[in-house]
């Protein structure tokens, strides 16, 4: 089912393989000097910031929730809270995000998380043929159909990017 251009073997790739979905892995050499992991990945892979999505962990009314937005945009915390059925949202402490997901910051994948967190994906994903998200480590992206991403994460789709 998968097409691999090197790399693999993360909980995210295991989850995608178990789900029997089509996906392609895209390894790249991460640049430790760049502050934005997502922008670095887009540049390394030669794709736009609208096609590659970052996985951000926030606390919505105290409960960890994942917001998945294009790297070219920011996360609208008010919109995330509303989409998740809450009132207030704030970015989670990075250590809490790492502990809950089992991934390191810059490599947090929406797939194969240690503890599946509620997720909301920005509505712009619906306009794409394929979408890239972290495959579970810095330097590895997984490309898959937006519908598969929504299904595997159990996410809501809502306008949460700003």
N, C-alpha and C. Protein backbone atom coordinates (compact mmCIF):
# COMPACT_ATOMS: atom_id res chain seq x y z
N UNK A 1 0.81 -1.20 0.00
CA UNK A 1 0.00 0.00 0.00
C UNK A 1 0.85 1.26 0.00
N UNK A 2 1.96 1.22 0.69
CA UNK A 2 2.77 2.43 0.80
C UNK A 2 3.86 2.45 -0.24
N UNK A 3 4.26 3.67 -0.57
CA UNK A 3 5.42 3.88 -1.41
C UNK A 3 6.41 4.62 -0.54
N UNK A 4 7.56 4.04 -0.35
CA UNK A 4 8.53 4.63 0.55
C UNK A 4 9.73 5.13 -0.23
N UNK A 5 10.10 6.37 0.06
CA UNK A 5 11.32 6.93 -0.50
C UNK A 5 12.33 6.99 0.64
N UNK A 6 12.54 5.87 1.31
CA UNK A 6 13.47 5.81 2.44
C UNK A 6 12.77 6.14 3.74
N UNK A 7 13.36 5.76 4.86
CA UNK A 7 12.80 6.07 6.17
C UNK A 7 11.64 5.15 6.54
N UNK A 8 10.98 5.47 7.63
CA UNK A 8 9.82 4.71 8.04
C UNK A 8 9.99 4.13 9.42
N UNK A 9 9.05 3.27 9.78
CA UNK A 9 9.14 2.57 11.04
C UNK A 9 8.76 3.37 12.26
N UNK A 10 7.84 4.32 12.13
CA UNK A 10 7.36 5.09 13.27
C UNK A 10 5.94 4.64 13.61
N UNK A 11 5.44 4.98 14.80
CA UNK A 11 4.04 4.65 15.10
C UNK A 11 3.07 5.20 14.06
N UNK A 12 3.39 6.34 13.46
CA UNK A 12 2.52 6.92 12.42
C UNK A 12 2.48 6.04 11.19
N UNK A 13 3.63 5.56 10.75
CA UNK A 13 3.65 4.71 9.56
C UNK A 13 3.03 3.35 9.84
N UNK A 14 3.20 2.85 11.05
CA UNK A 14 2.57 1.60 11.44
C UNK A 14 1.04 1.76 11.41
N UNK A 15 0.53 2.88 11.94
CA UNK A 15 -0.92 3.14 11.94
C UNK A 15 -1.45 3.22 10.52
N UNK A 16 -0.73 3.91 9.64
CA UNK A 16 -1.18 4.04 8.25
C UNK A 16 -1.16 2.69 7.54
N UNK A 17 -0.14 1.89 7.80
CA UNK A 17 -0.04 0.56 7.19
C UNK A 17 -1.16 -0.34 7.69
N UNK A 18 -1.41 -0.34 8.99
CA UNK A 18 -2.50 -1.16 9.56
C UNK A 18 -3.85 -0.78 8.97
N UNK A 19 -4.03 0.52 8.69
CA UNK A 19 -5.30 1.00 8.14
C UNK A 19 -5.44 0.70 6.65
N UNK A 20 -4.35 0.18 6.05
CA UNK A 20 -4.35 -0.20 4.63
C UNK A 20 -4.70 0.97 3.72
N UNK A 21 -4.09 2.11 4.00
CA UNK A 21 -4.31 3.28 3.14
C UNK A 21 -3.08 3.48 2.26
N UNK A 22 -3.29 4.18 1.16
CA UNK A 22 -2.19 4.55 0.27
C UNK A 22 -1.46 5.74 0.90
N UNK A 23 -0.14 5.65 0.98
CA UNK A 23 0.65 6.78 1.45
C UNK A 23 2.05 6.70 0.88
N UNK A 24 2.72 7.84 0.89
CA UNK A 24 4.10 7.91 0.45
C UNK A 24 4.90 8.60 1.53
N UNK A 25 6.05 8.04 1.86
CA UNK A 25 6.95 8.67 2.83
C UNK A 25 7.96 9.54 2.09
N UNK A 26 8.23 10.71 2.67
CA UNK A 26 9.17 11.65 2.08
C UNK A 26 10.20 12.05 3.12
N UNK A 27 11.37 11.39 3.11
CA UNK A 27 12.42 11.81 4.04
C UNK A 27 13.15 13.05 3.50
N UNK A 28 13.72 13.82 4.37
CA UNK A 28 14.52 14.98 4.00
C UNK A 28 15.49 15.24 5.14
N UNK A 29 16.47 16.02 4.86
CA UNK A 29 17.47 16.36 5.87
C UNK A 29 16.99 17.61 6.61
N UNK A 30 16.57 17.48 7.88
CA UNK A 30 16.08 18.66 8.60
C UNK A 30 17.22 19.64 8.87
N UNK A 31 16.90 20.92 8.77
CA UNK A 31 17.88 21.98 9.03
C UNK A 31 17.69 22.46 10.46
N UNK A 32 18.64 22.18 11.35
CA UNK A 32 18.48 22.56 12.76
C UNK A 32 18.50 24.07 13.00
N UNK A 33 18.90 24.84 11.99
CA UNK A 33 18.98 26.30 12.14
C UNK A 33 17.64 26.99 11.89
N UNK A 34 16.70 26.31 11.25
CA UNK A 34 15.42 26.92 10.91
C UNK A 34 14.45 26.76 12.08
N UNK A 35 13.81 27.88 12.45
CA UNK A 35 12.91 27.88 13.61
C UNK A 35 11.61 27.12 13.33
N UNK A 36 11.13 27.15 12.10
CA UNK A 36 9.87 26.49 11.76
C UNK A 36 10.14 25.16 11.09
N UNK A 37 9.85 24.07 11.81
CA UNK A 37 10.05 22.73 11.25
C UNK A 37 9.21 22.52 10.00
N UNK A 38 7.98 23.02 10.01
CA UNK A 38 7.09 22.84 8.87
C UNK A 38 7.57 23.56 7.63
N UNK A 39 8.00 24.81 7.79
CA UNK A 39 8.51 25.57 6.65
C UNK A 39 9.78 24.93 6.11
N UNK A 40 10.63 24.42 7.00
CA UNK A 40 11.85 23.73 6.57
C UNK A 40 11.50 22.48 5.77
N UNK A 41 10.50 21.74 6.22
CA UNK A 41 10.08 20.53 5.51
C UNK A 41 9.53 20.89 4.13
N UNK A 42 8.69 21.92 4.06
CA UNK A 42 8.12 22.34 2.77
C UNK A 42 9.24 22.73 1.81
N UNK A 43 10.19 23.51 2.29
CA UNK A 43 11.30 23.94 1.44
C UNK A 43 12.13 22.75 0.98
N UNK A 44 12.43 21.83 1.89
CA UNK A 44 13.25 20.67 1.55
C UNK A 44 12.56 19.76 0.54
N UNK A 45 11.23 19.68 0.61
CA UNK A 45 10.48 18.79 -0.28
C UNK A 45 9.98 19.49 -1.54
N UNK A 46 10.16 20.81 -1.60
CA UNK A 46 9.74 21.56 -2.79
C UNK A 46 8.24 21.65 -2.95
N UNK A 47 7.51 21.76 -1.83
CA UNK A 47 6.05 21.89 -1.89
C UNK A 47 5.64 23.19 -1.20
N UNK A 48 4.40 23.58 -1.40
CA UNK A 48 3.92 24.83 -0.81
C UNK A 48 3.54 24.62 0.65
N UNK A 49 3.52 25.72 1.39
CA UNK A 49 3.11 25.69 2.79
C UNK A 49 1.63 25.43 2.97
N UNK A 50 0.87 25.45 1.90
CA UNK A 50 -0.56 25.15 1.98
C UNK A 50 -0.82 23.65 1.92
N UNK A 51 0.14 22.89 1.39
CA UNK A 51 -0.06 21.44 1.22
C UNK A 51 0.51 20.63 2.37
N UNK A 52 1.38 21.23 3.17
CA UNK A 52 1.98 20.53 4.29
C UNK A 52 1.39 21.10 5.58
N UNK A 53 0.92 20.21 6.44
CA UNK A 53 0.21 20.63 7.65
C UNK A 53 1.05 20.33 8.89
N UNK A 54 0.97 21.25 9.86
CA UNK A 54 1.66 21.04 11.13
C UNK A 54 0.66 20.58 12.17
N UNK A 55 1.16 19.80 13.10
CA UNK A 55 0.34 19.24 14.17
C UNK A 55 0.68 19.98 15.46
N UNK A 56 -0.27 20.74 15.96
CA UNK A 56 -0.07 21.55 17.15
C UNK A 56 -0.96 21.04 18.28
N UNK A 57 -0.41 20.96 19.47
CA UNK A 57 -1.18 20.48 20.62
C UNK A 57 -1.54 21.68 21.49
N UNK A 58 -2.83 21.79 21.77
CA UNK A 58 -3.35 22.88 22.61
C UNK A 58 -4.18 22.26 23.74
N UNK A 59 -4.43 23.07 24.74
CA UNK A 59 -5.34 22.67 25.82
C UNK A 59 -6.65 23.42 25.61
N UNK A 60 -7.72 22.68 25.36
CA UNK A 60 -9.05 23.27 25.21
C UNK A 60 -9.80 22.98 26.50
N UNK A 61 -10.10 24.02 27.24
CA UNK A 61 -10.73 23.89 28.55
C UNK A 61 -9.98 22.85 29.40
N UNK A 62 -8.66 22.85 29.28
CA UNK A 62 -7.81 21.97 30.07
C UNK A 62 -7.53 20.61 29.47
N UNK A 63 -8.23 20.24 28.40
CA UNK A 63 -8.03 18.92 27.76
C UNK A 63 -7.16 19.07 26.52
N UNK A 64 -6.12 18.25 26.43
CA UNK A 64 -5.23 18.32 25.27
C UNK A 64 -6.00 17.97 24.00
N UNK A 65 -5.80 18.81 22.98
CA UNK A 65 -6.50 18.69 21.71
C UNK A 65 -5.50 19.03 20.61
N UNK A 66 -5.59 18.34 19.48
CA UNK A 66 -4.69 18.57 18.37
C UNK A 66 -5.35 19.47 17.34
N UNK A 67 -4.62 20.50 16.91
CA UNK A 67 -5.03 21.35 15.79
C UNK A 67 -4.08 21.09 14.64
N UNK A 68 -4.61 20.79 13.48
CA UNK A 68 -3.79 20.48 12.31
C UNK A 68 -4.07 21.53 11.25
N UNK A 69 -3.05 22.37 10.99
CA UNK A 69 -3.22 23.51 10.09
C UNK A 69 -2.05 23.58 9.10
N UNK A 70 -2.26 24.27 7.96
CA UNK A 70 -1.14 24.42 7.01
C UNK A 70 0.03 25.14 7.68
N UNK A 71 1.26 24.79 7.28
CA UNK A 71 2.41 25.46 7.87
C UNK A 71 2.47 26.93 7.46
N UNK A 72 1.76 27.29 6.39
CA UNK A 72 1.74 28.68 5.94
C UNK A 72 0.79 29.53 6.78
N UNK A 73 0.08 28.93 7.71
CA UNK A 73 -0.90 29.63 8.53
C UNK A 73 -0.60 29.41 10.01
N UNK A 74 -1.31 30.14 10.84
CA UNK A 74 -1.25 29.93 12.28
C UNK A 74 -2.51 29.25 12.74
N UNK A 75 -2.51 28.84 13.99
CA UNK A 75 -3.67 28.21 14.59
C UNK A 75 -4.50 29.27 15.31
N UNK A 76 -5.77 29.37 14.94
CA UNK A 76 -6.70 30.28 15.60
C UNK A 76 -7.25 29.55 16.83
N UNK A 77 -6.74 29.91 17.99
CA UNK A 77 -7.11 29.19 19.23
C UNK A 77 -8.59 29.32 19.55
N UNK A 78 -9.20 30.48 19.28
CA UNK A 78 -10.64 30.63 19.53
C UNK A 78 -11.44 29.69 18.63
N UNK A 79 -11.04 29.61 17.36
CA UNK A 79 -11.73 28.72 16.42
C UNK A 79 -11.54 27.26 16.81
N UNK A 80 -10.33 26.92 17.27
CA UNK A 80 -10.08 25.54 17.72
C UNK A 80 -10.97 25.21 18.91
N UNK A 81 -11.04 26.11 19.88
CA UNK A 81 -11.89 25.87 21.05
C UNK A 81 -13.34 25.64 20.63
N UNK A 82 -13.83 26.50 19.76
CA UNK A 82 -15.22 26.37 19.30
C UNK A 82 -15.44 25.05 18.57
N UNK A 83 -14.51 24.69 17.68
CA UNK A 83 -14.65 23.45 16.91
C UNK A 83 -14.59 22.21 17.81
N UNK A 84 -13.84 22.33 18.91
CA UNK A 84 -13.71 21.20 19.84
C UNK A 84 -14.80 21.20 20.90
N UNK A 85 -15.72 22.16 20.82
CA UNK A 85 -16.82 22.22 21.78
C UNK A 85 -16.43 22.84 23.11
N UNK A 86 -15.39 23.64 23.11
CA UNK A 86 -14.93 24.28 24.33
C UNK A 86 -15.07 25.79 24.28
N UNK A 87 -14.59 26.42 25.35
CA UNK A 87 -14.68 27.88 25.44
C UNK A 87 -13.33 28.55 25.26
N UNK A 88 -12.26 27.95 25.83
CA UNK A 88 -10.93 28.58 25.80
C UNK A 88 -9.87 27.58 25.37
N UNK A 89 -8.89 28.10 24.65
CA UNK A 89 -7.77 27.25 24.24
C UNK A 89 -6.47 28.01 24.41
N UNK A 90 -5.43 27.29 24.76
CA UNK A 90 -4.08 27.83 24.85
C UNK A 90 -3.13 26.75 24.38
N UNK A 91 -2.00 27.16 23.84
CA UNK A 91 -1.01 26.18 23.41
C UNK A 91 -0.57 25.35 24.61
N UNK A 92 -0.41 24.06 24.41
CA UNK A 92 0.02 23.15 25.48
C UNK A 92 1.51 23.32 25.73
N UNK A 93 1.91 22.99 26.93
CA UNK A 93 3.33 22.95 27.25
C UNK A 93 3.97 21.88 26.36
N UNK A 94 5.12 22.19 25.73
CA UNK A 94 5.74 21.20 24.84
C UNK A 94 6.00 19.84 25.51
N UNK A 95 6.39 19.85 26.78
CA UNK A 95 6.64 18.58 27.47
C UNK A 95 5.36 17.77 27.61
N UNK A 96 4.23 18.44 27.86
CA UNK A 96 2.94 17.75 27.94
C UNK A 96 2.55 17.17 26.58
N UNK A 97 2.81 17.94 25.51
CA UNK A 97 2.50 17.48 24.15
C UNK A 97 3.33 16.25 23.82
N UNK A 98 4.61 16.28 24.16
CA UNK A 98 5.48 15.14 23.87
C UNK A 98 5.07 13.91 24.67
N UNK A 99 4.75 14.10 25.93
CA UNK A 99 4.35 12.99 26.79
C UNK A 99 3.05 12.35 26.29
N UNK A 100 2.09 13.16 25.91
CA UNK A 100 0.79 12.63 25.47
C UNK A 100 0.86 11.95 24.11
N UNK A 101 1.65 12.52 23.19
CA UNK A 101 1.68 11.98 21.82
C UNK A 101 2.73 10.91 21.62
N UNK A 102 3.81 10.95 22.42
CA UNK A 102 4.91 10.01 22.22
C UNK A 102 5.90 10.48 21.17
N UNK A 103 5.73 11.70 20.70
CA UNK A 103 6.61 12.27 19.68
C UNK A 103 7.32 13.51 20.22
N UNK A 104 8.43 13.90 19.58
CA UNK A 104 9.12 15.12 19.98
C UNK A 104 8.59 16.30 19.17
N UNK A 105 8.64 17.48 19.77
CA UNK A 105 8.23 18.70 19.08
C UNK A 105 9.03 18.81 17.78
N UNK A 106 8.33 19.15 16.71
CA UNK A 106 8.95 19.19 15.40
C UNK A 106 8.77 17.89 14.65
N UNK A 107 8.30 16.86 15.35
CA UNK A 107 8.05 15.57 14.73
C UNK A 107 6.73 14.97 15.19
N UNK A 108 5.87 15.81 15.81
CA UNK A 108 4.58 15.30 16.30
C UNK A 108 3.69 15.01 15.10
N UNK A 109 3.26 13.78 15.02
CA UNK A 109 2.36 13.36 13.95
C UNK A 109 0.93 13.28 14.48
N UNK A 110 -0.04 13.56 13.63
CA UNK A 110 -1.43 13.35 14.05
C UNK A 110 -1.79 11.86 14.06
N UNK A 111 -0.93 11.02 13.50
CA UNK A 111 -1.18 9.58 13.39
C UNK A 111 -0.36 8.81 14.42
N UNK A 112 -0.91 7.74 14.95
CA UNK A 112 -0.16 6.84 15.80
C UNK A 112 0.29 7.43 17.12
N UNK A 113 -0.49 8.35 17.65
CA UNK A 113 -0.12 8.96 18.92
C UNK A 113 -0.26 7.97 20.07
N UNK A 114 0.59 8.13 21.07
CA UNK A 114 0.57 7.26 22.25
C UNK A 114 -0.84 7.24 22.85
N UNK A 115 -1.42 8.41 22.98
CA UNK A 115 -2.79 8.55 23.47
C UNK A 115 -3.53 9.37 22.43
N UNK A 116 -4.50 8.78 21.78
CA UNK A 116 -5.21 9.49 20.71
C UNK A 116 -5.96 10.69 21.29
N UNK A 117 -5.53 11.85 20.88
CA UNK A 117 -6.14 13.09 21.34
C UNK A 117 -7.23 13.54 20.38
N UNK A 118 -8.25 14.24 20.88
CA UNK A 118 -9.24 14.81 19.96
C UNK A 118 -8.51 15.72 18.97
N UNK A 119 -8.96 15.73 17.72
CA UNK A 119 -8.27 16.49 16.69
C UNK A 119 -9.24 17.28 15.83
N UNK A 120 -8.75 18.42 15.36
CA UNK A 120 -9.49 19.25 14.40
C UNK A 120 -8.52 19.61 13.29
N UNK A 121 -8.93 19.38 12.05
CA UNK A 121 -8.12 19.70 10.87
C UNK A 121 -8.72 20.90 10.18
N UNK A 122 -7.86 21.84 9.77
CA UNK A 122 -8.36 23.02 9.08
C UNK A 122 -9.11 22.63 7.80
N UNK A 123 -10.19 23.35 7.54
CA UNK A 123 -11.06 23.05 6.40
C UNK A 123 -10.35 23.16 5.05
N UNK A 124 -9.24 23.86 4.98
CA UNK A 124 -8.52 23.99 3.71
C UNK A 124 -8.03 22.64 3.19
N UNK A 125 -7.96 21.64 4.07
CA UNK A 125 -7.50 20.31 3.65
C UNK A 125 -8.43 19.71 2.60
N UNK A 126 -9.69 20.11 2.63
CA UNK A 126 -10.69 19.54 1.70
C UNK A 126 -10.42 19.89 0.25
N UNK A 127 -9.66 20.94 0.00
CA UNK A 127 -9.38 21.36 -1.37
C UNK A 127 -8.16 20.65 -1.97
N UNK A 128 -7.48 19.84 -1.19
CA UNK A 128 -6.25 19.20 -1.63
C UNK A 128 -6.46 17.77 -2.12
N UNK A 129 -5.64 17.36 -3.08
CA UNK A 129 -5.66 15.98 -3.54
C UNK A 129 -4.90 15.10 -2.55
N UNK A 130 -3.75 15.59 -2.09
CA UNK A 130 -2.99 14.91 -1.04
C UNK A 130 -2.50 15.96 -0.06
N UNK A 131 -2.18 15.50 1.14
CA UNK A 131 -1.68 16.38 2.19
C UNK A 131 -0.46 15.71 2.83
N UNK A 132 0.47 16.52 3.28
CA UNK A 132 1.66 16.02 3.97
C UNK A 132 1.55 16.37 5.45
N UNK A 133 1.88 15.44 6.31
CA UNK A 133 1.98 15.68 7.76
C UNK A 133 3.21 14.93 8.26
N UNK A 134 3.63 15.26 9.44
CA UNK A 134 4.79 14.57 10.01
C UNK A 134 4.50 13.08 10.12
N UNK A 135 5.51 12.29 9.79
CA UNK A 135 5.39 10.84 9.91
C UNK A 135 5.93 10.36 11.25
N UNK A 136 6.18 11.28 12.17
CA UNK A 136 6.55 10.88 13.52
C UNK A 136 7.98 11.17 13.93
N UNK A 137 8.71 11.82 13.06
CA UNK A 137 10.04 12.28 13.46
C UNK A 137 10.47 13.41 12.53
N UNK A 138 11.35 14.24 13.04
CA UNK A 138 11.88 15.32 12.22
C UNK A 138 12.60 14.70 11.02
N UNK A 139 12.33 15.24 9.86
CA UNK A 139 12.98 14.74 8.66
C UNK A 139 12.19 13.67 7.92
N UNK A 140 10.93 13.45 8.29
CA UNK A 140 10.11 12.45 7.61
C UNK A 140 8.66 12.91 7.56
N UNK A 141 8.14 13.05 6.35
CA UNK A 141 6.75 13.43 6.14
C UNK A 141 6.01 12.27 5.47
N UNK A 142 4.73 12.18 5.77
CA UNK A 142 3.88 11.18 5.14
C UNK A 142 2.84 11.92 4.30
N UNK A 143 2.70 11.50 3.05
CA UNK A 143 1.74 12.09 2.12
C UNK A 143 0.58 11.12 1.99
N UNK A 144 -0.64 11.63 2.19
CA UNK A 144 -1.82 10.78 2.11
C UNK A 144 -3.02 11.60 1.67
N UNK A 145 -4.10 10.93 1.37
CA UNK A 145 -5.33 11.61 0.97
C UNK A 145 -5.95 12.29 2.19
N UNK A 146 -6.50 13.50 2.02
CA UNK A 146 -7.12 14.20 3.14
C UNK A 146 -8.19 13.37 3.85
N UNK A 147 -8.99 12.63 3.09
CA UNK A 147 -10.03 11.81 3.70
C UNK A 147 -9.45 10.73 4.60
N UNK A 148 -8.31 10.17 4.20
CA UNK A 148 -7.66 9.17 5.04
C UNK A 148 -7.13 9.80 6.32
N UNK A 149 -6.58 11.01 6.22
CA UNK A 149 -6.10 11.71 7.40
C UNK A 149 -7.24 11.96 8.38
N UNK A 150 -8.36 12.41 7.87
CA UNK A 150 -9.53 12.68 8.71
C UNK A 150 -10.00 11.38 9.37
N UNK A 151 -10.08 10.33 8.59
CA UNK A 151 -10.56 9.05 9.12
C UNK A 151 -9.62 8.48 10.18
N UNK A 152 -8.32 8.49 9.91
CA UNK A 152 -7.35 7.90 10.84
C UNK A 152 -7.21 8.68 12.14
N UNK A 153 -7.46 9.97 12.09
CA UNK A 153 -7.36 10.79 13.30
C UNK A 153 -8.70 10.93 14.02
N UNK A 154 -9.79 10.59 13.34
CA UNK A 154 -11.11 10.81 13.90
C UNK A 154 -11.41 12.29 14.07
N UNK A 155 -10.77 13.10 13.25
CA UNK A 155 -10.84 14.57 13.41
C UNK A 155 -12.11 15.17 12.85
N UNK A 156 -12.41 16.33 13.41
CA UNK A 156 -13.41 17.22 12.83
C UNK A 156 -12.70 18.08 11.82
N UNK A 157 -13.41 18.53 10.81
CA UNK A 157 -12.86 19.47 9.83
C UNK A 157 -13.58 20.79 10.06
N UNK A 158 -12.80 21.85 10.31
CA UNK A 158 -13.37 23.16 10.60
C UNK A 158 -12.34 24.23 10.26
N UNK A 159 -12.80 25.46 10.01
CA UNK A 159 -11.84 26.55 9.72
C UNK A 159 -11.14 26.99 11.00
N UNK A 160 -9.93 26.48 11.22
CA UNK A 160 -9.18 26.81 12.45
C UNK A 160 -7.86 27.51 12.15
N UNK A 161 -7.55 27.76 10.89
CA UNK A 161 -6.31 28.47 10.53
C UNK A 161 -6.57 29.97 10.48
N UNK A 162 -5.52 30.72 10.78
CA UNK A 162 -5.62 32.18 10.62
C UNK A 162 -4.47 32.67 9.78
